[in-house]
C-alpha atoms as a PDB file:
ATOM      1  CA  MET A   1     127.845 108.389 174.368  1.00  0.00           C
ATOM      2  CA  SER A   2     130.940 106.159 174.190  1.00  0.00           C
ATOM      3  CA  ILE A   3     133.959 107.138 172.093  1.00  0.00           C
ATOM      4  CA  ASP A   4     133.483 104.068 169.873  1.00  0.00           C
ATOM      5  CA  ARG A   5     129.833 104.897 169.202  1.00  0.00           C
ATOM      6  CA  ARG A   6     130.694 108.549 168.454  1.00  0.00           C
ATOM      7  CA  ARG A   7     133.409 107.465 166.023  1.00  0.00           C
ATOM      8  CA  PHE A   8     131.000 105.048 164.337  1.00  0.00           C
ATOM      9  CA  LEU A   9     128.385 107.781 163.808  1.00  0.00           C
ATOM     10  CA  GLN A  10     131.019 110.178 162.457  1.00  0.00           C
ATOM     11  CA  GLN A  11     132.210 107.574 159.976  1.00  0.00           C
ATOM     12  CA  LEU A  12     128.617 106.779 158.959  1.00  0.00           C
ATOM     13  CA  SER A  13     127.903 110.487 158.393  1.00  0.00           C
ATOM     14  CA  SER A  14     131.016 110.875 156.249  1.00  0.00           C
ATOM     15  CA  ALA A  15     130.136 107.818 154.216  1.00  0.00           C
ATOM     16  CA  THR A  16     126.560 109.020 153.680  1.00  0.00           C
ATOM     17  CA  ALA A  17     127.787 112.430 152.563  1.00  0.00           C
ATOM     18  CA  GLY A  18     130.233 110.758 150.199  1.00  0.00           C
ATOM     19  CA  LEU A  19     127.512 108.616 148.688  1.00  0.00           C
ATOM     20  CA  ALA A  20     125.318 111.662 148.274  1.00  0.00           C
ATOM     21  CA  GLY A  21     128.162 113.420 146.505  1.00  0.00           C
ATOM     22  CA  VAL A  22     128.690 110.464 144.215  1.00  0.00           C
ATOM     23  CA  SER A  23     124.945 110.312 143.521  1.00  0.00           C
ATOM     24  CA  LEU A  24     124.854 114.031 142.742  1.00  0.00           C
ATOM     25  CA  LEU A  25     127.896 113.732 140.512  1.00  0.00           C
ATOM     26  CA  GLY A  26     126.321 110.793 138.735  1.00  0.00           C
ATOM     27  CA  ALA A  27     123.093 112.718 138.115  1.00  0.00           C
ATOM     28  CA  ASN A  28     125.026 115.721 136.827  1.00  0.00           C
ATOM     29  CA  ALA A  29     127.173 113.520 134.654  1.00  0.00           C
ATOM     30  CA  LEU A  30     124.049 111.865 133.238  1.00  0.00           C
ATOM     31  CA  ALA A  31     122.435 115.237 132.581  1.00  0.00           C
ATOM     32  CA  ALA A  32     125.581 116.429 130.837  1.00  0.00           C
ATOM     33  CA  GLN A  33     125.709 113.467 128.470  1.00  0.00           C
ATOM     34  CA  PRO A  34     125.061 114.467 124.844  1.00  0.00           C
ATOM     35  CA  PRO A  35     121.983 113.003 123.141  1.00  0.00           C
ATOM     36  CA  LYS A  36     122.460 109.739 121.304  1.00  0.00           C
ATOM     37  CA  LYS A  37     123.611 110.072 117.698  1.00  0.00           C
ATOM     38  CA  LEU A  38     120.832 108.897 115.420  1.00  0.00           C
ATOM     39  CA  PHE A  39     121.517 106.257 112.762  1.00  0.00           C
ATOM     40  CA  PHE A  40     119.905 108.578 110.189  1.00  0.00           C
ATOM     41  CA  LYS A  41     119.813 112.280 109.310  1.00  0.00           C
ATOM     42  CA  ILE A  42     116.689 114.455 109.294  1.00  0.00           C
ATOM     43  CA  SER A  43     115.516 116.627 106.402  1.00  0.00           C
ATOM     44  CA  LEU A  44     112.359 118.686 105.931  1.00  0.00           C
ATOM     45  CA  ALA A  45     110.049 118.105 102.980  1.00  0.00           C
ATOM     46  CA  GLN A  46     108.526 121.291 101.589  1.00  0.00           C
ATOM     47  CA  TRP A  47     105.132 119.605 101.405  1.00  0.00           C
ATOM     48  CA  SER A  48     104.937 119.885 105.213  1.00  0.00           C
ATOM     49  CA  LEU A  49     104.260 123.595 104.612  1.00  0.00           C
ATOM     50  CA  HIS A  50     101.931 123.166 101.640  1.00  0.00           C
ATOM     51  CA  LYS A  51      99.023 125.044 103.234  1.00  0.00           C
ATOM     52  CA  SER A  52     101.128 128.143 103.890  1.00  0.00           C
ATOM     53  CA  LEU A  53     102.694 127.890 100.443  1.00  0.00           C
ATOM     54  CA  PHE A  54      99.402 127.549  98.576  1.00  0.00           C
ATOM     55  CA  LYS A  55      98.000 130.490 100.559  1.00  0.00           C
ATOM     56  CA  LYS A  56     101.064 132.549  99.558  1.00  0.00           C
ATOM     57  CA  GLU A  57     101.875 133.200 103.221  1.00  0.00           C
ATOM     58  CA  ILE A  58     105.417 132.057 102.457  1.00  0.00           C
ATOM     59  CA  ASP A  59     107.245 131.143  99.274  1.00  0.00           C
ATOM     60  CA  THR A  60     109.998 128.751  98.277  1.00  0.00           C
ATOM     61  CA  LEU A  61     112.733 131.343  98.780  1.00  0.00           C
ATOM     62  CA  ASP A  62     111.725 131.479 102.469  1.00  0.00           C
ATOM     63  CA  PHE A  63     112.005 127.719 102.875  1.00  0.00           C
ATOM     64  CA  PRO A  64     115.737 127.292 103.630  1.00  0.00           C
ATOM     65  CA  ARG A  65     115.641 130.000 106.315  1.00  0.00           C
ATOM     66  CA  LEU A  66     112.533 128.531 107.933  1.00  0.00           C
ATOM     67  CA  ALA A  67     114.048 125.043 107.951  1.00  0.00           C
ATOM     68  CA  ARG A  68     117.149 126.298 109.775  1.00  0.00           C
ATOM     69  CA  GLU A  69     115.768 129.012 112.060  1.00  0.00           C
ATOM     70  CA  VAL A  70     112.332 127.672 112.992  1.00  0.00           C
ATOM     71  CA  TYR A  71     112.878 123.907 112.871  1.00  0.00           C
ATOM     72  CA  GLN A  72     116.667 123.589 113.342  1.00  0.00           C
ATOM     73  CA  ILE A  73     116.844 121.285 110.322  1.00  0.00           C
ATOM     74  CA  ASP A  74     119.776 121.642 107.925  1.00  0.00           C
ATOM     75  CA  ALA A  75     118.559 119.721 104.854  1.00  0.00           C
ATOM     76  CA  VAL A  76     115.486 120.272 102.665  1.00  0.00           C
ATOM     77  CA  GLU A  77     113.427 118.581  99.966  1.00  0.00           C
ATOM     78  CA  TYR A  78     111.712 120.870  97.456  1.00  0.00           C
ATOM     79  CA  VAL A  79     108.434 120.110  95.652  1.00  0.00           C
ATOM     80  CA  ASN A  80     108.130 121.301  92.072  1.00  0.00           C
ATOM     81  CA  GLN A  81     104.440 122.183  92.529  1.00  0.00           C
ATOM     82  CA  PHE A  82     105.575 125.347  94.314  1.00  0.00           C
ATOM     83  CA  ILE A  83     108.045 126.344  91.588  1.00  0.00           C
ATOM     84  CA  LYS A  84     106.238 125.055  88.506  1.00  0.00           C
ATOM     85  CA  ASP A  85     107.634 127.662  86.118  1.00  0.00           C
ATOM     86  CA  LYS A  86     111.126 127.824  87.639  1.00  0.00           C
ATOM     87  CA  ALA A  87     112.842 124.701  86.284  1.00  0.00           C
ATOM     88  CA  THR A  88     114.850 126.734  83.777  1.00  0.00           C
ATOM     89  CA  ASP A  89     114.723 130.127  85.560  1.00  0.00           C
ATOM     90  CA  GLN A  90     118.415 130.654  86.275  1.00  0.00           C
ATOM     91  CA  GLN A  91     117.871 133.873  88.199  1.00  0.00           C
ATOM     92  CA  PHE A  92     115.431 132.176  90.579  1.00  0.00           C
ATOM     93  CA  LEU A  93     117.633 129.110  90.969  1.00  0.00           C
ATOM     94  CA  ARG A  94     120.633 131.298  91.784  1.00  0.00           C
ATOM     95  CA  GLN A  95     118.589 133.102  94.437  1.00  0.00           C
ATOM     96  CA  LEU A  96     117.415 129.819  95.959  1.00  0.00           C
ATOM     97  CA  LEU A  97     120.927 128.409  95.989  1.00  0.00           C
ATOM     98  CA  SER A  98     122.199 131.576  97.640  1.00  0.00           C
ATOM     99  CA  ARG A  99     119.474 131.435 100.311  1.00  0.00           C
ATOM    100  CA  SER A 100     120.286 127.829 101.165  1.00  0.00           C
ATOM    101  CA  GLN A 101     124.018 128.536 101.321  1.00  0.00           C
ATOM    102  CA  ASP A 102     123.475 131.620 103.489  1.00  0.00           C
ATOM    103  CA  HIS A 103     121.636 129.518 106.046  1.00  0.00           C
ATOM    104  CA  GLY A 104     123.874 126.451 105.852  1.00  0.00           C
ATOM    105  CA  VAL A 105     121.112 124.274 104.459  1.00  0.00           C
ATOM    106  CA  VAL A 106     121.695 121.246 102.222  1.00  0.00           C
ATOM    107  CA  ASN A 107     119.455 121.006  99.164  1.00  0.00           C
ATOM    108  CA  ASN A 108     118.797 117.277  99.183  1.00  0.00           C
ATOM    109  CA  MET A 109     116.239 116.734  96.415  1.00  0.00           C
ATOM    110  CA  ILE A 110     113.402 118.029  94.268  1.00  0.00           C
ATOM    111  CA  MET A 111     110.169 116.009  94.311  1.00  0.00           C
ATOM    112  CA  ILE A 112     108.502 116.121  90.893  1.00  0.00           C
ATOM    113  CA  ASP A 113     104.734 115.837  90.501  1.00  0.00           C
ATOM    114  CA  GLU A 114     102.071 116.713  87.918  1.00  0.00           C
ATOM    115  CA  GLU A 115     104.305 116.170  84.911  1.00  0.00           C
ATOM    116  CA  SER A 116     103.891 113.734  82.017  1.00  0.00           C
ATOM    117  CA  ASP A 117     103.873 110.028  82.887  1.00  0.00           C
ATOM    118  CA  LEU A 118     107.209 108.248  82.627  1.00  0.00           C
ATOM    119  CA  GLY A 119     105.234 105.062  82.061  1.00  0.00           C
ATOM    120  CA  ASP A 120     102.988 106.377  79.296  1.00  0.00           C
ATOM    121  CA  PRO A 121     102.115 103.486  76.963  1.00  0.00           C
ATOM    122  CA  ASP A 122     102.778 105.732  73.954  1.00  0.00           C
ATOM    123  CA  LYS A 123     106.528 105.674  73.260  1.00  0.00           C
ATOM    124  CA  LYS A 124     106.623 109.235  71.905  1.00  0.00           C
ATOM    125  CA  LYS A 125     104.763 110.599  74.924  1.00  0.00           C
ATOM    126  CA  ARG A 126     107.031 108.617  77.214  1.00  0.00           C
ATOM    127  CA  LEU A 127     110.126 110.125  75.625  1.00  0.00           C
ATOM    128  CA  LYS A 128     108.549 113.566  75.963  1.00  0.00           C
ATOM    129  CA  ALA A 129     107.982 112.880  79.667  1.00  0.00           C
ATOM    130  CA  VAL A 130     111.653 111.965  80.061  1.00  0.00           C
ATOM    131  CA  GLU A 131     112.605 115.221  78.362  1.00  0.00           C
ATOM    132  CA  VAL A 132     110.367 117.279  80.666  1.00  0.00           C
ATOM    133  CA  HIS A 133     111.823 115.600  83.748  1.00  0.00           C
ATOM    134  CA  ARG A 134     115.357 116.304  82.519  1.00  0.00           C
ATOM    135  CA  HIS A 135     114.728 120.028  83.061  1.00  0.00           C
ATOM    136  CA  TRP A 136     114.011 119.334  86.729  1.00  0.00           C
ATOM    137  CA  ALA A 137     117.095 117.136  86.944  1.00  0.00           C
ATOM    138  CA  ASP A 138     119.165 120.033  85.609  1.00  0.00           C
ATOM    139  CA  ALA A 139     117.602 122.389  88.177  1.00  0.00           C
ATOM    140  CA  ALA A 140     118.336 119.918  90.975  1.00  0.00           C
ATOM    141  CA  ARG A 141     121.930 119.587  89.848  1.00  0.00           C
ATOM    142  CA  PHE A 142     122.330 123.377  89.810  1.00  0.00           C
ATOM    143  CA  LEU A 143     121.014 123.554  93.390  1.00  0.00           C
ATOM    144  CA  GLY A 144     123.476 120.902  94.518  1.00  0.00           C
ATOM    145  CA  CYS A 145     120.809 118.272  95.177  1.00  0.00           C
ATOM    146  CA  SER A 146     121.820 114.646  95.325  1.00  0.00           C
ATOM    147  CA  MET A 147     118.610 113.289  93.757  1.00  0.00           C
ATOM    148  CA  ILE A 148     115.209 113.876  92.240  1.00  0.00           C
ATOM    149  CA  ARG A 149     112.047 111.975  93.135  1.00  0.00           C
ATOM    150  CA  VAL A 150     109.634 111.064  90.327  1.00  0.00           C
ATOM    151  CA  ASN A 151     106.415 109.062  90.011  1.00  0.00           C
ATOM    152  CA  ALA A 152     106.185 105.652  88.397  1.00  0.00           C
ATOM    153  CA  PHE A 153     102.834 106.317  86.736  1.00  0.00           C
ATOM    154  CA  GLY A 154     101.549 104.737  83.540  1.00  0.00           C
ATOM    155  CA  ALA A 155      98.574 102.913  82.073  1.00  0.00           C
ATOM    156  CA  GLY A 156      97.525  99.584  80.661  1.00  0.00           C
ATOM    157  CA  SER A 157      97.721  96.143  82.211  1.00  0.00           C
ATOM    158  CA  ARG A 158     100.001  95.399  85.136  1.00  0.00           C
ATOM    159  CA  GLN A 159     102.655  93.990  82.797  1.00  0.00           C
ATOM    160  CA  GLU A 160     102.269  96.696  80.150  1.00  0.00           C
ATOM    161  CA  ALA A 161     102.608  99.432  82.755  1.00  0.00           C
ATOM    162  CA  LYS A 162     105.668  97.726  84.207  1.00  0.00           C
ATOM    163  CA  GLU A 163     107.427  97.513  80.843  1.00  0.00           C
ATOM    164  CA  ALA A 164     106.714 101.178  80.076  1.00  0.00           C
ATOM    165  CA  VAL A 165     107.824 102.373  83.532  1.00  0.00           C
ATOM    166  CA  VAL A 166     111.025 100.323  83.308  1.00  0.00           C
ATOM    167  CA  ASP A 167     111.771 102.044  80.004  1.00  0.00           C
ATOM    168  CA  GLY A 168     110.917 105.578  81.118  1.00  0.00           C
ATOM    169  CA  LEU A 169     112.627 105.385  84.508  1.00  0.00           C
ATOM    170  CA  GLY A 170     115.623 103.691  82.963  1.00  0.00           C
ATOM    171  CA  LEU A 171     116.110 106.405  80.332  1.00  0.00           C
ATOM    172  CA  LEU A 172     115.738 109.207  82.878  1.00  0.00           C
ATOM    173  CA  GLY A 173     118.018 107.353  85.257  1.00  0.00           C
ATOM    174  CA  GLU A 174     120.768 107.267  82.648  1.00  0.00           C
ATOM    175  CA  TYR A 175     120.521 111.031  82.206  1.00  0.00           C
ATOM    176  CA  CYS A 176     120.548 111.637  85.959  1.00  0.00           C
ATOM    177  CA  HIS A 177     123.603 109.434  86.306  1.00  0.00           C
ATOM    178  CA  GLN A 178     125.415 111.402  83.597  1.00  0.00           C
ATOM    179  CA  ILE A 179     124.949 114.655  85.527  1.00  0.00           C
ATOM    180  CA  GLY A 180     125.687 113.141  88.944  1.00  0.00           C
ATOM    181  CA  LEU A 181     122.193 112.640  90.366  1.00  0.00           C
ATOM    182  CA  GLN A 182     120.359 109.725  91.933  1.00  0.00           C
ATOM    183  CA  LEU A 183     116.860 109.003  90.616  1.00  0.00           C
ATOM    184  CA  VAL A 184     114.288 107.723  93.118  1.00  0.00           C
ATOM    185  CA  THR A 185     110.623 106.843  92.860  1.00  0.00           C
ATOM    186  CA  GLU A 186     108.055 106.770  95.648  1.00  0.00           C
ATOM    187  CA  ASN A 187     105.058 104.645  96.526  1.00  0.00           C
ATOM    188  CA  HIS A 188     102.562 107.286  95.446  1.00  0.00           C
ATOM    189  CA  GLY A 189      99.306 105.589  94.490  1.00  0.00           C
ATOM    190  CA  GLY A 190      98.066 102.942  92.090  1.00  0.00           C
ATOM    191  CA  LEU A 191     100.586 100.344  90.991  1.00  0.00           C
ATOM    192  CA  SER A 192     103.439 102.402  92.448  1.00  0.00           C
ATOM    193  CA  SER A 193     102.009 101.586  95.902  1.00  0.00           C
ATOM    194  CA  ASP A 194     102.254  97.865  95.187  1.00  0.00           C
ATOM    195  CA  ALA A 195     105.699  97.263  96.653  1.00  0.00           C
ATOM    196  CA  GLU A 196     106.225  93.941  94.850  1.00  0.00           C
ATOM    197  CA  TRP A 197     105.411  95.542  91.508  1.00  0.00           C
ATOM    198  CA  MET A 198     107.680  98.514  92.229  1.00  0.00           C
ATOM    199  CA  ALA A 199     110.516  96.327  93.483  1.00  0.00           C
ATOM    200  CA  ASP A 200     110.319  94.267  90.284  1.00  0.00           C
ATOM    201  CA  VAL A 201     110.544  97.472  88.206  1.00  0.00           C
ATOM    202  CA  LEU A 202     113.725  98.442  90.069  1.00  0.00           C
ATOM    203  CA  ARG A 203     115.169  94.933  89.764  1.00  0.00           C
ATOM    204  CA  GLN A 204     114.616  95.001  86.014  1.00  0.00           C
ATOM    205  CA  ILE A 205     116.293  98.410  85.660  1.00  0.00           C
ATOM    206  CA  ASP A 206     119.087  97.057  87.876  1.00  0.00           C
ATOM    207  CA  LYS A 207     121.088 100.286  88.186  1.00  0.00           C
ATOM    208  CA  PRO A 208     122.459 101.573  91.527  1.00  0.00           C
ATOM    209  CA  TYR A 209     121.506 105.128  90.582  1.00  0.00           C
ATOM    210  CA  VAL A 210     117.797 104.264  90.160  1.00  0.00           C
ATOM    211  CA  GLY A 211     116.202 103.490  93.511  1.00  0.00           C
ATOM    212  CA  SER A 212     113.259 104.004  95.799  1.00  0.00           C
ATOM    213  CA  LEU A 213     111.993 106.617  98.245  1.00  0.00           C
ATOM    214  CA  PRO A 214     109.741 104.573 100.544  1.00  0.00           C
ATOM    215  CA  ASP A 215     107.065 106.637 102.286  1.00  0.00           C
ATOM    216  CA  PHE A 216     105.628 105.462 105.628  1.00  0.00           C
ATOM    217  CA  THR A 217     102.123 105.867 104.186  1.00  0.00           C
ATOM    218  CA  ASN A 218     100.879 106.267 100.572  1.00  0.00           C
ATOM    219  CA  TRP A 219     100.106 102.549 100.259  1.00  0.00           C
ATOM    220  CA  CYS A 220      96.566 102.867  98.848  1.00  0.00           C
ATOM    221  CA  LEU A 221      96.069 100.739  95.751  1.00  0.00           C
ATOM    222  CA  ARG A 222      92.448 101.636  94.966  1.00  0.00           C
ATOM    223  CA  ARG A 223      90.059 104.394  96.033  1.00  0.00           C
ATOM    224  CA  GLU A 224      86.354 105.188  95.813  1.00  0.00           C
ATOM    225  CA  GLY A 225      86.872 108.316  93.767  1.00  0.00           C
ATOM    226  CA  PRO A 226      88.826 108.974  90.588  1.00  0.00           C
ATOM    227  CA  GLY A 227      92.599 109.144  90.553  1.00  0.00           C
ATOM    228  CA  PHE A 228      95.004 108.292  93.341  1.00  0.00           C
ATOM    229  CA  TRP A 229      93.786 110.745  95.979  1.00  0.00           C
ATOM    230  CA  GLY A 230      90.026 111.135  95.633  1.00  0.00           C
ATOM    231  CA  GLY A 231      87.797 109.309  98.115  1.00  0.00           C
ATOM    232  CA  LYS A 232      88.150 106.616 100.734  1.00  0.00           C
ATOM    233  CA  CYS A 233      90.845 103.960 100.266  1.00  0.00           C
ATOM    234  CA  LEU A 234      89.266 100.619  99.369  1.00  0.00           C
ATOM    235  CA  GLU A 235      92.422  98.516  99.161  1.00  0.00           C
ATOM    236  CA  GLU A 236      95.762  99.126 100.830  1.00  0.00           C
ATOM    237  CA  TYR A 237      99.137  97.414 100.632  1.00  0.00           C
ATOM    238  CA  ASP A 238     100.494  96.522 104.067  1.00  0.00           C
ATOM    239  CA  PRO A 239     102.705  99.502 105.032  1.00  0.00           C
ATOM    240  CA  TYR A 240     105.281  97.521 106.990  1.00  0.00           C
ATOM    241  CA  ARG A 241     105.598  94.832 104.360  1.00  0.00           C
ATOM    242  CA  GLY A 242     105.849  97.564 101.730  1.00  0.00           C
ATOM    243  CA  MET A 243     108.648  99.358 103.572  1.00  0.00           C
ATOM    244  CA  ALA A 244     110.571  96.129 104.075  1.00  0.00           C
ATOM    245  CA  THR A 245     110.206  95.307 100.369  1.00  0.00           C
ATOM    246  CA  LEU A 246     111.409  98.704  99.090  1.00  0.00           C
ATOM    247  CA  MET A 247     114.110  99.499 101.648  1.00  0.00           C
ATOM    248  CA  PRO A 248     116.798  97.442  99.867  1.00  0.00           C
ATOM    249  CA  PHE A 249     116.499  99.950  96.983  1.00  0.00           C
ATOM    250  CA  ALA A 250     116.170 103.052  99.160  1.00  0.00           C
ATOM    251  CA  ALA A 251     118.220 106.197  98.633  1.00  0.00           C
ATOM    252  CA  GLY A 252     115.799 108.239 100.735  1.00  0.00           C
ATOM    253  CA  VAL A 253     112.877 107.783 103.134  1.00  0.00           C
ATOM    254  CA  SER A 254     109.771 109.914 103.816  1.00  0.00           C
ATOM    255  CA  ALA A 255     108.365 109.977 107.356  1.00  0.00           C
ATOM    256  CA  LYS A 256     104.701 110.846 106.912  1.00  0.00           C
ATOM    257  CA  ALA A 257     102.631 111.901 109.927  1.00  0.00           C
ATOM    258  CA  PHE A 258      99.043 113.072 110.354  1.00  0.00           C
ATOM    259  CA  GLU A 259      97.731 112.916 113.926  1.00  0.00           C
ATOM    260  CA  PHE A 260      99.369 112.356 117.339  1.00  0.00           C
ATOM    261  CA  ASP A 261      98.245 111.033 120.722  1.00  0.00           C
ATOM    262  CA  ALA A 262      98.896 112.764 124.071  1.00  0.00           C
ATOM    263  CA  ARG A 263     102.328 111.112 124.319  1.00  0.00           C
ATOM    264  CA  GLY A 264     103.447 112.378 120.926  1.00  0.00           C
ATOM    265  CA  ASN A 265     103.098 109.058 119.121  1.00  0.00           C
ATOM    266  CA  CYS A 266     101.760 108.988 115.578  1.00  0.00           C
ATOM    267  CA  LEU A 267      98.236 107.543 115.412  1.00  0.00           C
ATOM    268  CA  ASP A 268      98.551 106.537 111.774  1.00  0.00           C
ATOM    269  CA  ILE A 269     101.743 104.509 111.812  1.00  0.00           C
ATOM    270  CA  ASP A 270     103.978 102.719 114.331  1.00  0.00           C
ATOM    271  CA  TYR A 271     107.209 104.726 114.122  1.00  0.00           C
ATOM    272  CA  THR A 272     109.150 102.219 116.217  1.00  0.00           C
ATOM    273  CA  LYS A 273     108.227  99.394 113.858  1.00  0.00           C
ATOM    274  CA  MET A 274     108.907 101.527 110.774  1.00  0.00           C
ATOM    275  CA  LEU A 275     112.272 102.851 111.923  1.00  0.00           C
ATOM    276  CA  LYS A 276     113.386  99.368 112.924  1.00  0.00           C
ATOM    277  CA  ILE A 277     112.682  98.233 109.336  1.00  0.00           C
ATOM    278  CA  VAL A 278     114.696 101.206 108.074  1.00  0.00           C
ATOM    279  CA  LYS A 279     117.600 100.483 110.415  1.00  0.00           C
ATOM    280  CA  ASP A 280     117.618  96.739 109.717  1.00  0.00           C
ATOM    281  CA  ALA A 281     118.061  97.575 106.023  1.00  0.00           C
ATOM    282  CA  GLY A 282     121.328  99.328 106.910  1.00  0.00           C
ATOM    283  CA  TYR A 283     119.990 102.727 105.885  1.00  0.00           C
ATOM    284  CA  THR A 284     121.855 105.783 107.255  1.00  0.00           C
ATOM    285  CA  GLY A 285     120.738 108.610 104.938  1.00  0.00           C
ATOM    286  CA  TYR A 286     118.096 111.316 105.239  1.00  0.00           C
ATOM    287  CA  ILE A 287     114.593 110.717 106.534  1.00  0.00           C
ATOM    288  CA  GLY A 288     112.384 113.560 105.367  1.00  0.00           C
ATOM    289  CA  ILE A 289     109.644 114.954 107.610  1.00  0.00           C
ATOM    290  CA  GLU A 290     106.367 115.151 105.697  1.00  0.00           C
ATOM    291  CA  TYR A 291     103.634 116.352 108.047  1.00  0.00           C
ATOM    292  CA  GLU A 292     100.137 116.388 106.519  1.00  0.00           C
ATOM    293  CA  GLY A 293      97.796 116.548 109.513  1.00  0.00           C
ATOM    294  CA  GLU A 294      94.706 118.722 109.848  1.00  0.00           C
ATOM    295  CA  SER A 295      94.278 119.121 113.623  1.00  0.00           C
ATOM    296  CA  LEU A 296      97.594 120.868 114.319  1.00  0.00           C
ATOM    297  CA  PRO A 297      99.179 123.947 112.767  1.00  0.00           C
ATOM    298  CA  GLU A 298     101.990 123.097 110.361  1.00  0.00           C
ATOM    299  CA  LYS A 299     104.692 124.306 112.721  1.00  0.00           C
ATOM    300  CA  GLU A 300     103.496 122.173 115.634  1.00  0.00           C
ATOM    301  CA  GLY A 301     102.988 119.129 113.433  1.00  0.00           C
ATOM    302  CA  ILE A 302     106.487 119.393 111.979  1.00  0.00           C
ATOM    303  CA  LEU A 303     108.068 119.776 115.417  1.00  0.00           C
ATOM    304  CA  LYS A 304     106.092 116.822 116.798  1.00  0.00           C
ATOM    305  CA  THR A 305     107.183 114.659 113.876  1.00  0.00           C
ATOM    306  CA  LYS A 306     110.798 115.712 114.405  1.00  0.00           C
ATOM    307  CA  ALA A 307     110.594 114.974 118.147  1.00  0.00           C
ATOM    308  CA  LEU A 308     109.080 111.556 117.439  1.00  0.00           C
ATOM    309  CA  LEU A 309     111.828 110.686 114.951  1.00  0.00           C
ATOM    310  CA  GLN A 310     114.488 111.770 117.442  1.00  0.00           C
ATOM    311  CA  ARG A 311     112.936 109.901 120.368  1.00  0.00           C
ATOM    312  CA  VAL A 312     112.341 106.626 118.531  1.00  0.00           C
ATOM    313  CA  GLY A 313     115.597 106.922 116.579  1.00  0.00           C
ATOM    314  CA  ALA A 314     117.552 107.355 119.827  1.00  0.00           C
ATOM    315  CA  SER A 315     115.914 104.281 121.312  1.00  0.00           C
ATOM    316  CA  LEU A 316     117.087 102.204 118.331  1.00  0.00           C
ATOM    317  CA  SER A 317     120.598 103.700 118.060  1.00  0.00           C
END
């Protein structure tokens, strides 16, 4: 072999080794990169564990610890159905606050269901409903929550219900504002799932401290059975149009999930499309995980929903 050829091969070997080193360094550098910061924060809605809670396998005092230790989530949303008699129980509220503080968990909100209608057509009953909800507002304030979620339920014609809901929500909103809370209402069945109707309610109230909590699902306007939840849905508001309509008023967002495919995508809703609507609205607050599926255990369903939010959120960040 000639000296020139030997020198050429030596130089080629050195160059190849150098490129391999650069490639390895690049791969290591890529692996060491921190995950993308999401444009939103993640919280855990207590309803995701409703089966375990109703079966008394866990209770509300366990919730902050489970959120932190099992799901690595540092913000929670309580549901009053699991603490129905605790709105004015100071001993319980002190315990719950202590548990959340011990585990470094933010108490973000209380979701209020099965109370009197804030849109009751009877003025006296409507005022009574506002009074009942004030107790939950006080409890939320004690726990350090930033908001409460209520339902915009009423009766009568479309216009009559709107006028009553504007009055009830407005009165409760004033009280919440006085004690430093945001009041939000969710698309939760009936007229409240008609985004145009709900948006008009919020426009008429026209207060920054009264807003919406758009849920990815819950857009059924009419069902076969009685009430908002009984039977097959016969008429549904378009979920993506509904989200886009309510996001300008949003102080919170609920990420509902039921079933997943083999790749971890939600079968019920397009998370990429939904999160793009959320991002385009300029929203940067909490998105609450609300898993309600039947085929997976609660733990697995919650973790899959969290992973999906993180994956899609990172792709949009």
